[in-house]
Amino acid sequence: MWTKDLFGVEKPIIAMCHMQPMPGDPGYDADGGMEKVLECARRDLLALQEGGVDGVMFSNEFSLPYLTKVETVTVASMAGVIGELKSEIKIPFGVNCLWDPVASIDLAVAVGGKFIREIITGVYASDFGLWNTNVGATVRHKMAVSGKEIKMLYNIVPEAASYLGSREIEDIAKTTEFNNHPDAICVSGLTAGSETDTQILRRVKDAVKRTPLSSSTLHTARDPAYNTVPRRSGQKSPPAEGRLSESASSLPAPRRTLHPPQPDPERRQPPFPGLSQAAAEAPLLYPDTSA
């Protein structure tokens, strides 16, 4: 399993490092400039690593409203931030230029990212308009820019969108696996930080047999499938691996307890001390080992 080779575990916790608005984005803080973006990303990265996650993915989460063809200034800004942080990154990392798989691949090649997560297949009705893809061209682009080793995580239930057509999610999962050979399949909640529907996860899990599955937005301790166990030693706050029953959970609560208390439903807490609310999202990959 490639997850074991890359992260050292088959079920890695991949945390999100959400970058603040960058030049060109409506919310960009021109007074704080890119130094502010860099320092916010550094704070979140260090907190996530201290918390014991297995990997991290950098995304332009606050480039709202999103583009499906990301502008060059955004890719350049993200590359600049990641380049500044490279000496401090101690775990495998990936990138996500929302919502542009080609830009994500380009960024990963430029900064040494090991994986991307994107909307790579399908056509959707979304908040961003009609959302189309071209998976054949995207994969060929990856090969053309020497990105052969980059792992591609295919999100088949994207945020703020629905599949254009009447296909069942099981059929989408099966044909995505058969036609495209994704390195992983992702299922998201409605927005970043919102819970993924465990029933949809269960249906996708039952449909695919060879591909790791990721819960791509937040899960909380309210999920009955949620459980954590210690995995490593020698840390002040030992990390935990999300244990699954028949469905997936993703983000562990603060890592000082095996059975964390029920969270306040009105206020989602950041998962690690020092971690900003912006980084409180992390997918957990897990394989179907029944085959």
Protein backbone atom coordinates (compact mmCIF):
# COMPACT_ATOMS: atom_id res chain seq x y z
CA MET A 1 0.00 0.00 0.00
CA TRP A 2 1.47 3.33 -1.09
CA THR A 3 0.21 5.06 2.05
CA LYS A 4 2.45 2.80 4.15
CA ASP A 5 5.43 3.58 1.93
CA LEU A 6 4.88 7.33 2.03
CA PHE A 7 3.57 7.98 5.53
CA GLY A 8 4.82 4.96 7.46
CA VAL A 9 1.25 3.89 8.29
CA GLU A 10 -1.55 2.46 6.15
CA LYS A 11 -4.14 4.81 7.66
CA PRO A 12 -2.46 8.22 7.75
CA ILE A 13 -4.00 11.32 9.23
CA ILE A 14 -3.42 14.07 6.68
CA ALA A 15 -4.03 17.49 8.19
CA MET A 16 -4.85 20.67 6.30
CA CYS A 17 -2.72 23.79 6.39
CA HIS A 18 -5.13 26.41 5.09
CA MET A 19 -3.46 29.50 3.67
CA GLN A 20 -4.95 32.92 4.25
CA PRO A 21 -6.15 35.00 1.26
CA MET A 22 -3.34 35.80 -1.17
CA PRO A 23 -2.76 38.55 -3.76
CA GLY A 24 -5.68 38.71 -6.14
CA ASP A 25 -8.10 37.18 -3.64
CA PRO A 26 -10.95 39.46 -2.49
CA GLY A 27 -10.04 38.89 1.17
CA TYR A 28 -6.30 39.57 0.82
CA ASP A 29 -4.85 41.71 3.61
CA ALA A 30 -2.58 44.05 1.67
CA ASP A 31 -1.33 45.65 4.88
CA GLY A 32 -0.26 42.33 6.38
CA GLY A 33 1.00 41.17 2.98
CA MET A 34 2.49 37.79 2.24
CA GLU A 35 4.37 37.88 5.55
CA LYS A 36 1.05 37.45 7.32
CA VAL A 37 0.11 34.55 5.05
CA LEU A 38 3.48 32.93 5.72
CA GLU A 39 3.34 33.33 9.49
CA CYS A 40 -0.20 31.95 9.73
CA ALA A 41 0.82 28.94 7.65
CA ARG A 42 3.96 28.43 9.76
CA ARG A 43 1.95 28.50 12.99
CA ASP A 44 -0.50 25.91 11.73
CA LEU A 45 2.17 23.68 10.22
CA LEU A 46 4.20 23.57 13.44
CA ALA A 47 1.10 22.92 15.56
CA LEU A 48 0.00 20.08 13.29
CA GLN A 49 3.43 18.48 13.31
CA GLU A 50 3.66 18.81 17.09
CA GLY A 51 0.24 17.16 17.32
CA GLY A 52 1.61 14.10 15.53
CA VAL A 53 -0.21 14.00 12.20
CA ASP A 54 1.26 11.77 9.49
CA GLY A 55 1.10 14.25 6.62
CA VAL A 56 -0.02 17.76 5.75
CA MET A 57 -1.69 19.29 2.72
CA PHE A 58 -1.36 22.98 1.88
CA SER A 59 -4.39 24.59 0.27
CA ASN A 60 -5.62 28.08 -0.63
CA GLU A 61 -8.72 27.54 1.48
CA PHE A 62 -9.43 31.25 1.90
CA SER A 63 -9.20 32.16 -1.78
CA LEU A 64 -12.96 32.69 -1.74
CA PRO A 65 -14.92 32.61 -3.97
CA TYR A 66 -13.02 29.80 -5.68
CA LEU A 67 -11.94 29.55 -9.29
CA THR A 68 -11.91 26.34 -11.30
CA LYS A 69 -8.95 27.74 -13.27
CA VAL A 70 -6.59 29.17 -10.67
CA GLU A 71 -4.65 32.32 -11.50
CA THR A 72 -0.87 32.27 -11.75
CA VAL A 73 -0.44 34.68 -8.83
CA THR A 74 -2.12 32.20 -6.50
CA VAL A 75 0.10 29.30 -7.53
CA ALA A 76 3.18 31.53 -7.25
CA SER A 77 2.12 32.77 -3.81
CA MET A 78 1.54 29.25 -2.53
CA ALA A 79 4.89 28.13 -3.92
CA GLY A 80 6.58 31.04 -2.17
CA VAL A 81 5.05 30.16 1.20
CA ILE A 82 5.83 26.45 0.91
CA GLY A 83 9.35 27.25 -0.22
CA GLU A 84 9.89 29.39 2.88
CA LEU A 85 8.59 26.55 5.07
CA LYS A 86 10.44 23.68 3.39
CA SER A 87 13.18 23.51 6.03
CA GLU A 88 10.51 23.23 8.75
CA ILE A 89 8.36 20.54 7.08
CA LYS A 90 9.17 17.22 8.75
CA ILE A 91 6.39 15.03 7.34
CA PRO A 92 5.20 14.17 3.80
CA PHE A 93 3.17 16.98 2.27
CA GLY A 94 0.81 17.57 -0.59
CA VAL A 95 -0.95 20.55 -2.17
CA ASN A 96 -4.39 21.58 -3.35
CA CYS A 97 -5.01 24.67 -5.52
CA LEU A 98 -8.77 24.97 -5.21
CA TRP A 99 -10.31 23.97 -7.60
CA ASP A 100 -7.80 23.33 -10.34
CA PRO A 101 -6.13 19.92 -10.70
CA VAL A 102 -3.65 21.12 -13.33
CA ALA A 103 -2.49 24.00 -11.11
CA SER A 104 -2.28 21.58 -8.19
CA ILE A 105 -0.03 19.26 -10.19
CA ASP A 106 2.17 22.16 -11.31
CA LEU A 107 2.55 23.36 -7.73
CA ALA A 108 3.34 19.87 -6.45
CA VAL A 109 6.05 19.42 -9.08
CA ALA A 110 7.54 22.85 -8.30
CA VAL A 111 7.73 22.44 -4.49
CA GLY A 112 8.22 18.69 -4.15
CA GLY A 113 4.71 17.80 -3.00
CA LYS A 114 3.96 14.09 -2.88
CA PHE A 115 0.22 14.18 -3.55
CA ILE A 116 -2.71 16.35 -4.59
CA ARG A 117 -6.43 16.22 -3.80
CA GLU A 118 -8.78 17.64 -6.39
CA ILE A 119 -11.94 17.34 -8.45
CA ILE A 120 -10.45 15.42 -11.36
CA THR A 121 -13.46 13.64 -12.87
CA GLY A 122 -17.12 14.37 -13.47
CA VAL A 123 -19.35 17.35 -14.20
CA TYR A 124 -21.06 19.23 -11.38
CA ALA A 125 -23.60 21.96 -10.71
CA SER A 126 -21.85 24.10 -8.11
CA ASP A 127 -21.71 27.44 -6.36
CA PHE A 128 -18.92 28.27 -8.82
CA GLY A 129 -21.04 27.59 -11.90
CA LEU A 130 -20.96 24.61 -14.22
CA TRP A 131 -17.92 22.63 -13.05
CA ASN A 132 -16.40 20.46 -15.75
CA THR A 133 -13.23 18.35 -15.77
CA ASN A 134 -10.98 16.58 -18.26
CA VAL A 135 -9.31 13.71 -16.46
CA GLY A 136 -7.48 12.41 -19.56
CA ALA A 137 -5.82 15.77 -20.20
CA THR A 138 -5.06 16.21 -16.49
CA VAL A 139 -3.28 12.87 -16.15
CA ARG A 140 -1.33 13.45 -19.35
CA HIS A 141 -0.31 16.87 -18.08
CA LYS A 142 1.05 15.24 -14.94
CA MET A 143 3.24 12.99 -17.05
CA ALA A 144 4.34 15.88 -19.29
CA VAL A 145 5.65 17.96 -16.35
CA SER A 146 7.55 15.04 -14.76
CA GLY A 147 4.96 14.47 -12.06
CA LYS A 148 4.69 10.70 -12.51
CA GLU A 149 5.28 9.95 -8.82
CA ILE A 150 2.69 12.42 -7.52
CA LYS A 151 -0.26 10.60 -5.94
CA MET A 152 -3.70 11.82 -7.01
CA LEU A 153 -6.60 11.80 -4.56
CA TYR A 154 -9.87 11.98 -6.51
CA ASN A 155 -12.69 13.80 -4.73
CA ILE A 156 -15.93 12.34 -6.10
CA VAL A 157 -18.27 14.17 -3.70
CA PRO A 158 -16.98 17.75 -3.83
CA GLU A 159 -17.95 20.59 -1.53
CA ALA A 160 -20.74 22.98 -2.55
CA ALA A 161 -21.64 20.90 -5.61
CA SER A 162 -23.69 17.98 -6.84
CA TYR A 163 -23.09 15.56 -9.70
CA LEU A 164 -24.79 16.70 -12.89
CA GLY A 165 -26.94 13.69 -13.66
CA SER A 166 -28.80 10.93 -11.88
CA ARG A 167 -25.96 8.46 -11.29
CA GLU A 168 -25.75 6.72 -7.94
CA ILE A 169 -22.63 7.34 -5.87
CA GLU A 170 -21.77 3.63 -6.01
CA ASP A 171 -21.68 3.76 -9.81
CA ILE A 172 -19.54 6.90 -9.78
CA ALA A 173 -17.09 5.27 -7.37
CA LYS A 174 -16.88 2.06 -9.39
CA THR A 175 -16.31 3.74 -12.75
CA THR A 176 -13.86 6.25 -11.26
CA GLU A 177 -11.83 3.33 -9.93
CA PHE A 178 -12.09 1.32 -13.17
CA ASN A 179 -11.46 4.08 -15.70
CA ASN A 180 -8.97 6.28 -13.88
CA HIS A 181 -7.02 4.16 -11.38
CA PRO A 182 -7.01 6.85 -8.67
CA ASP A 183 -4.48 6.62 -5.86
CA ALA A 184 -7.33 7.37 -3.44
CA ILE A 185 -11.00 8.36 -3.54
CA CYS A 186 -12.28 11.21 -1.36
CA VAL A 187 -15.75 12.05 -0.04
CA SER A 188 -16.37 15.53 1.35
CA GLY A 189 -18.96 17.26 3.45
CA LEU A 190 -20.89 20.31 2.27
CA THR A 191 -18.07 22.77 3.09
CA ALA A 192 -14.57 22.73 4.56
CA GLY A 193 -14.80 21.73 8.23
CA SER A 194 -18.28 20.22 7.90
CA GLU A 195 -18.81 16.56 8.64
CA THR A 196 -18.72 13.95 5.90
CA ASP A 197 -21.88 11.86 5.64
CA THR A 198 -20.86 8.45 6.98
CA GLN A 199 -23.66 6.76 5.05
CA ILE A 200 -22.20 8.01 1.78
CA LEU A 201 -18.76 6.89 2.94
CA ARG A 202 -20.15 3.44 3.68
CA ARG A 203 -21.72 3.20 0.23
CA VAL A 204 -18.50 4.24 -1.50
CA LYS A 205 -16.44 1.87 0.64
CA ASP A 206 -18.69 -1.02 -0.31
CA ALA A 207 -18.38 -0.10 -4.00
CA VAL A 208 -14.59 0.08 -4.33
CA LYS A 209 -12.27 -2.81 -3.61
CA ARG A 210 -8.75 -1.75 -4.50
CA THR A 211 -8.58 1.97 -3.74
CA PRO A 212 -7.98 3.75 -0.40
CA LEU A 213 -10.91 5.89 0.72
CA SER A 214 -10.64 9.27 2.41
CA SER A 215 -13.09 11.16 4.56
CA SER A 216 -12.11 14.51 3.15
CA THR A 217 -13.66 16.94 5.65
CA LEU A 218 -14.03 16.99 9.41
CA HIS A 219 -15.46 14.21 11.55
CA THR A 220 -16.11 14.61 15.25
CA ALA A 221 -16.33 12.41 18.30
CA ARG A 222 -20.12 12.39 17.92
CA ASP A 223 -19.70 9.77 15.20
CA PRO A 224 -20.21 6.30 16.77
CA ALA A 225 -17.44 4.95 14.55
CA TYR A 226 -15.02 7.38 16.18
CA ASN A 227 -12.23 6.01 18.35
CA THR A 228 -8.55 6.75 18.82
CA VAL A 229 -5.60 4.75 20.06
CA PRO A 230 -2.00 5.79 20.73
CA ARG A 231 0.48 4.93 17.98
CA ARG A 232 3.81 6.55 18.70
CA SER A 233 5.85 7.20 21.82
CA GLY A 234 8.28 9.86 22.96
CA GLN A 235 5.98 12.83 22.43
CA LYS A 236 4.36 15.10 24.95
CA SER A 237 1.01 14.66 23.28
CA PRO A 238 0.99 11.18 21.71
CA PRO A 239 -0.76 10.92 18.34
CA ALA A 240 -3.60 8.58 17.65
CA GLU A 241 -4.79 6.55 14.71
CA GLY A 242 -8.44 6.81 13.79
CA ARG A 243 -10.05 3.42 14.29
CA LEU A 244 -12.91 2.54 11.98
CA SER A 245 -15.87 0.25 12.31
CA GLU A 246 -17.88 -0.05 9.10
CA SER A 247 -17.59 3.63 8.27
CA ALA A 248 -14.87 6.27 8.39
CA SER A 249 -13.86 8.90 10.87
CA SER A 250 -11.08 11.37 10.30
CA LEU A 251 -9.86 13.92 12.77
CA PRO A 252 -9.00 12.91 16.33
CA ALA A 253 -9.90 15.20 19.19
CA PRO A 254 -7.09 16.62 21.38
CA ARG A 255 -4.62 13.80 21.73
CA ARG A 256 -4.63 13.37 25.47
CA THR A 257 -7.44 10.88 25.75
CA LEU A 258 -8.49 7.61 24.14
CA HIS A 259 -12.17 8.40 24.47
CA PRO A 260 -12.59 12.18 24.22
CA PRO A 261 -15.65 13.92 25.65
CA GLN A 262 -18.51 14.91 23.39
CA PRO A 263 -17.72 18.25 21.73
CA ASP A 264 -19.91 21.31 22.05
CA PRO A 265 -22.10 21.11 18.91
CA GLU A 266 -22.21 24.90 18.75
CA ARG A 267 -18.46 25.37 18.61
CA ARG A 268 -15.96 23.14 16.86
CA GLN A 269 -12.64 23.16 18.71
CA PRO A 270 -9.27 23.15 16.94
CA PRO A 271 -7.82 19.65 17.29
CA PHE A 272 -4.34 20.53 18.57
CA PRO A 273 -3.00 23.14 21.00
CA GLY A 274 -1.90 26.21 19.06
CA LEU A 275 -3.76 25.20 15.90
CA SER A 276 -5.91 27.87 14.31
CA GLN A 277 -9.56 27.23 13.51
CA ALA A 278 -8.58 27.45 9.84
CA ALA A 279 -6.66 24.18 10.05
CA ALA A 280 -9.33 22.08 11.73
CA GLU A 281 -9.83 19.71 8.79
CA ALA A 282 -7.96 16.50 8.03
CA PRO A 283 -8.79 13.53 5.83
CA LEU A 284 -7.98 10.00 6.95
CA LEU A 285 -7.09 7.52 4.27
CA TYR A 286 -7.97 3.92 4.80
CA PRO A 287 -7.89 0.94 2.48
CA ASP A 288 -10.51 -1.70 1.87
CA THR A 289 -8.57 -4.80 2.81
CA SER A 290 -11.32 -7.30 2.04
CA ALA A 291 -10.02 -8.01 -1.48
